[in-house]
């Protein structure tokens, strides 16, 4: 099964976790996922100001996505 690369970041100054799919860039936009809002897009500008989320904070989003069939490969550094 193919792995989907993902970077988990904090949204703005909150501790809410956003899953960003770096291989799905369309122009200046990346596909992403958050519990509030579900699948969406986020801009490169927004992401460059973000902080990579800590492992303990990503587990709810990670577990949800894997329960939906994603085979995730977590990246630990921003690639955008």
N, C-alpha and C. Protein backbone atom coordinates (compact mmCIF):
# COMPACT_ATOMS: atom_id res chain seq x y z
N UNK A 1 0.84 -1.18 0.00
CA UNK A 1 0.00 0.00 0.00
C UNK A 1 0.89 1.25 0.00
N UNK A 2 0.57 2.18 -0.87
CA UNK A 2 1.34 3.41 -0.98
C UNK A 2 1.18 4.27 0.27
N UNK A 3 2.28 4.86 0.72
CA UNK A 3 2.23 5.75 1.87
C UNK A 3 1.92 7.18 1.43
N UNK A 4 1.20 7.88 2.27
CA UNK A 4 0.90 9.29 2.06
C UNK A 4 1.75 10.10 3.02
N UNK A 5 2.60 10.95 2.48
CA UNK A 5 3.45 11.78 3.34
C UNK A 5 2.61 12.88 3.96
N UNK A 6 2.86 13.14 5.25
CA UNK A 6 2.09 14.14 5.99
C UNK A 6 2.99 14.85 6.99
N UNK A 7 2.72 16.14 7.17
CA UNK A 7 3.39 16.93 8.18
C UNK A 7 2.29 17.46 9.10
N UNK A 8 2.45 17.25 10.39
CA UNK A 8 1.50 17.75 11.35
C UNK A 8 2.03 19.05 11.93
N UNK A 9 1.23 20.10 11.83
CA UNK A 9 1.64 21.41 12.34
C UNK A 9 0.58 21.93 13.30
N UNK A 10 0.96 22.94 14.07
CA UNK A 10 -0.01 23.66 14.89
C UNK A 10 -0.60 24.77 14.06
N UNK A 11 -1.89 24.97 14.20
CA UNK A 11 -2.56 26.04 13.47
C UNK A 11 -2.35 27.37 14.18
N UNK A 12 -1.66 28.27 13.52
CA UNK A 12 -1.41 29.59 14.09
C UNK A 12 -0.77 29.51 15.45
N UNK A 13 -1.31 30.24 16.41
CA UNK A 13 -0.76 30.23 17.76
C UNK A 13 -1.50 29.27 18.67
N UNK A 14 -2.35 28.41 18.09
CA UNK A 14 -3.11 27.44 18.88
C UNK A 14 -2.34 26.13 18.97
N UNK A 15 -2.89 25.19 19.69
CA UNK A 15 -2.35 23.84 19.76
C UNK A 15 -3.22 22.88 18.95
N UNK A 16 -4.11 23.43 18.11
CA UNK A 16 -4.92 22.61 17.21
C UNK A 16 -4.00 22.08 16.11
N UNK A 17 -4.12 20.81 15.81
CA UNK A 17 -3.22 20.16 14.85
C UNK A 17 -3.85 20.11 13.47
N UNK A 18 -3.05 20.44 12.48
CA UNK A 18 -3.43 20.41 11.08
C UNK A 18 -2.51 19.42 10.37
N UNK A 19 -3.10 18.49 9.63
CA UNK A 19 -2.33 17.54 8.83
C UNK A 19 -2.18 18.12 7.42
N UNK A 20 -0.94 18.30 6.99
CA UNK A 20 -0.68 18.88 5.67
C UNK A 20 -0.06 17.80 4.78
N UNK A 21 -0.56 17.69 3.56
CA UNK A 21 -0.09 16.69 2.61
C UNK A 21 0.82 17.38 1.59
N UNK A 22 2.14 17.33 1.80
CA UNK A 22 3.06 18.13 0.99
C UNK A 22 3.16 17.69 -0.47
N UNK A 23 2.71 16.50 -0.78
CA UNK A 23 2.79 16.04 -2.17
C UNK A 23 1.57 16.44 -2.98
N UNK A 24 0.68 17.22 -2.38
CA UNK A 24 -0.55 17.61 -3.07
C UNK A 24 -0.60 19.12 -3.33
N UNK A 25 0.53 19.70 -3.65
CA UNK A 25 0.60 21.14 -3.88
C UNK A 25 -0.03 21.49 -5.23
N UNK A 26 -0.88 22.52 -5.19
CA UNK A 26 -1.50 23.05 -6.40
C UNK A 26 -1.30 24.56 -6.37
N UNK A 27 -0.34 25.05 -7.12
CA UNK A 27 0.01 26.47 -7.06
C UNK A 27 0.64 26.78 -5.72
N UNK A 28 0.07 27.71 -4.98
CA UNK A 28 0.55 28.06 -3.64
C UNK A 28 -0.29 27.43 -2.54
N UNK A 29 -0.97 26.34 -2.86
CA UNK A 29 -1.89 25.70 -1.92
C UNK A 29 -1.58 24.23 -1.73
N UNK A 30 -1.74 23.76 -0.50
CA UNK A 30 -1.58 22.34 -0.16
C UNK A 30 -2.90 21.81 0.37
N UNK A 31 -3.19 20.54 0.08
CA UNK A 31 -4.32 19.88 0.74
C UNK A 31 -3.97 19.68 2.20
N UNK A 32 -4.97 19.77 3.07
CA UNK A 32 -4.75 19.57 4.49
C UNK A 32 -6.01 18.99 5.12
N UNK A 33 -5.90 18.63 6.40
CA UNK A 33 -7.03 18.10 7.13
C UNK A 33 -6.97 18.59 8.57
N UNK A 34 -8.12 19.01 9.09
CA UNK A 34 -8.28 19.38 10.50
C UNK A 34 -9.61 18.82 10.96
N UNK A 35 -9.71 18.50 12.26
CA UNK A 35 -10.98 18.01 12.78
C UNK A 35 -12.10 19.00 12.52
N UNK A 36 -11.85 20.27 12.75
CA UNK A 36 -12.86 21.29 12.45
C UNK A 36 -12.65 21.72 11.01
N UNK A 37 -13.59 21.38 10.16
CA UNK A 37 -13.49 21.75 8.75
C UNK A 37 -13.17 20.59 7.83
N UNK A 38 -12.59 19.52 8.36
CA UNK A 38 -12.27 18.36 7.54
C UNK A 38 -11.20 18.67 6.50
N UNK A 39 -11.34 18.12 5.31
CA UNK A 39 -10.37 18.35 4.24
C UNK A 39 -10.53 19.77 3.71
N UNK A 40 -9.40 20.41 3.46
CA UNK A 40 -9.40 21.79 3.00
C UNK A 40 -8.08 22.05 2.29
N UNK A 41 -7.76 23.32 2.09
CA UNK A 41 -6.46 23.72 1.54
C UNK A 41 -5.88 24.81 2.43
N UNK A 42 -4.56 24.94 2.40
CA UNK A 42 -3.89 26.00 3.15
C UNK A 42 -2.75 26.54 2.30
N UNK A 43 -2.45 27.80 2.49
CA UNK A 43 -1.46 28.47 1.65
C UNK A 43 -0.04 28.22 2.15
N UNK A 44 0.89 28.34 1.23
CA UNK A 44 2.31 28.22 1.56
C UNK A 44 2.68 29.28 2.59
N UNK A 45 2.19 30.50 2.43
CA UNK A 45 2.51 31.58 3.37
C UNK A 45 2.08 31.21 4.79
N UNK A 46 0.90 30.65 4.94
CA UNK A 46 0.40 30.25 6.25
C UNK A 46 1.29 29.16 6.85
N UNK A 47 1.67 28.21 6.02
CA UNK A 47 2.45 27.07 6.51
C UNK A 47 3.88 27.45 6.92
N UNK A 48 4.48 28.39 6.23
CA UNK A 48 5.86 28.75 6.55
C UNK A 48 5.96 29.38 7.94
N UNK A 49 4.86 29.92 8.45
CA UNK A 49 4.86 30.53 9.78
C UNK A 49 4.46 29.54 10.87
N UNK A 50 4.22 28.30 10.51
CA UNK A 50 3.72 27.31 11.46
C UNK A 50 4.85 26.54 12.14
N UNK A 51 4.49 25.90 13.24
CA UNK A 51 5.43 25.07 14.00
C UNK A 51 5.03 23.61 13.85
N UNK A 52 6.01 22.73 13.68
CA UNK A 52 5.72 21.29 13.58
C UNK A 52 5.18 20.81 14.93
N UNK A 53 4.09 20.05 14.90
CA UNK A 53 3.43 19.58 16.12
C UNK A 53 4.21 18.44 16.76
N UNK A 54 4.12 18.37 18.06
CA UNK A 54 4.78 17.30 18.83
C UNK A 54 3.98 16.00 18.71
N UNK A 55 4.69 14.89 18.83
CA UNK A 55 4.09 13.57 18.63
C UNK A 55 2.84 13.37 19.49
N UNK A 56 2.92 13.70 20.75
CA UNK A 56 1.77 13.49 21.63
C UNK A 56 0.54 14.26 21.22
N UNK A 57 0.72 15.37 20.53
CA UNK A 57 -0.41 16.20 20.12
C UNK A 57 -1.05 15.74 18.82
N UNK A 58 -0.31 14.98 18.01
CA UNK A 58 -0.84 14.59 16.69
C UNK A 58 -1.68 13.32 16.74
N UNK A 59 -1.61 12.57 17.82
CA UNK A 59 -2.23 11.24 17.85
C UNK A 59 -3.72 11.23 17.50
N UNK A 60 -4.55 12.14 18.00
CA UNK A 60 -5.97 12.06 17.60
C UNK A 60 -6.18 12.21 16.09
N UNK A 61 -5.49 13.16 15.47
CA UNK A 61 -5.64 13.35 14.02
C UNK A 61 -5.02 12.18 13.27
N UNK A 62 -3.84 11.75 13.69
CA UNK A 62 -3.16 10.61 13.06
C UNK A 62 -4.05 9.37 13.11
N UNK A 63 -4.57 9.06 14.30
CA UNK A 63 -5.41 7.86 14.46
C UNK A 63 -6.68 7.95 13.62
N UNK A 64 -7.28 9.14 13.55
CA UNK A 64 -8.48 9.30 12.73
C UNK A 64 -8.16 9.05 11.26
N UNK A 65 -7.10 9.66 10.76
CA UNK A 65 -6.77 9.50 9.34
C UNK A 65 -6.44 8.05 9.00
N UNK A 66 -5.70 7.36 9.88
CA UNK A 66 -5.38 5.96 9.59
C UNK A 66 -6.64 5.08 9.67
N UNK A 67 -7.58 5.45 10.53
CA UNK A 67 -8.84 4.68 10.59
C UNK A 67 -9.67 4.87 9.33
N UNK A 68 -9.39 5.95 8.58
CA UNK A 68 -10.09 6.22 7.33
C UNK A 68 -9.38 5.60 6.12
N UNK A 69 -8.30 4.85 6.37
CA UNK A 69 -7.62 4.15 5.29
C UNK A 69 -6.30 4.75 4.84
N UNK A 70 -5.91 5.88 5.42
CA UNK A 70 -4.62 6.47 5.07
C UNK A 70 -3.49 5.62 5.63
N UNK A 71 -2.45 5.42 4.85
CA UNK A 71 -1.20 4.80 5.28
C UNK A 71 -0.19 5.94 5.35
N UNK A 72 -0.04 6.53 6.52
CA UNK A 72 0.71 7.78 6.66
C UNK A 72 2.19 7.57 6.93
N UNK A 73 2.98 8.43 6.32
CA UNK A 73 4.40 8.53 6.62
C UNK A 73 4.61 9.94 7.16
N UNK A 74 4.85 10.04 8.47
CA UNK A 74 4.97 11.35 9.11
C UNK A 74 6.33 11.94 8.84
N UNK A 75 6.36 13.17 8.33
CA UNK A 75 7.59 13.92 8.15
C UNK A 75 7.80 14.78 9.37
N UNK A 76 9.04 14.91 9.79
CA UNK A 76 9.33 15.66 11.02
C UNK A 76 9.88 17.05 10.76
N UNK A 77 10.06 17.40 9.49
CA UNK A 77 10.52 18.74 9.14
C UNK A 77 9.64 19.28 8.04
N UNK A 78 9.45 20.58 8.05
CA UNK A 78 8.65 21.21 7.01
C UNK A 78 9.38 21.14 5.67
N UNK A 79 8.65 20.84 4.61
CA UNK A 79 9.22 20.75 3.28
C UNK A 79 8.54 21.74 2.32
N UNK A 80 7.93 22.75 2.89
CA UNK A 80 7.26 23.75 2.06
C UNK A 80 7.88 25.10 2.32
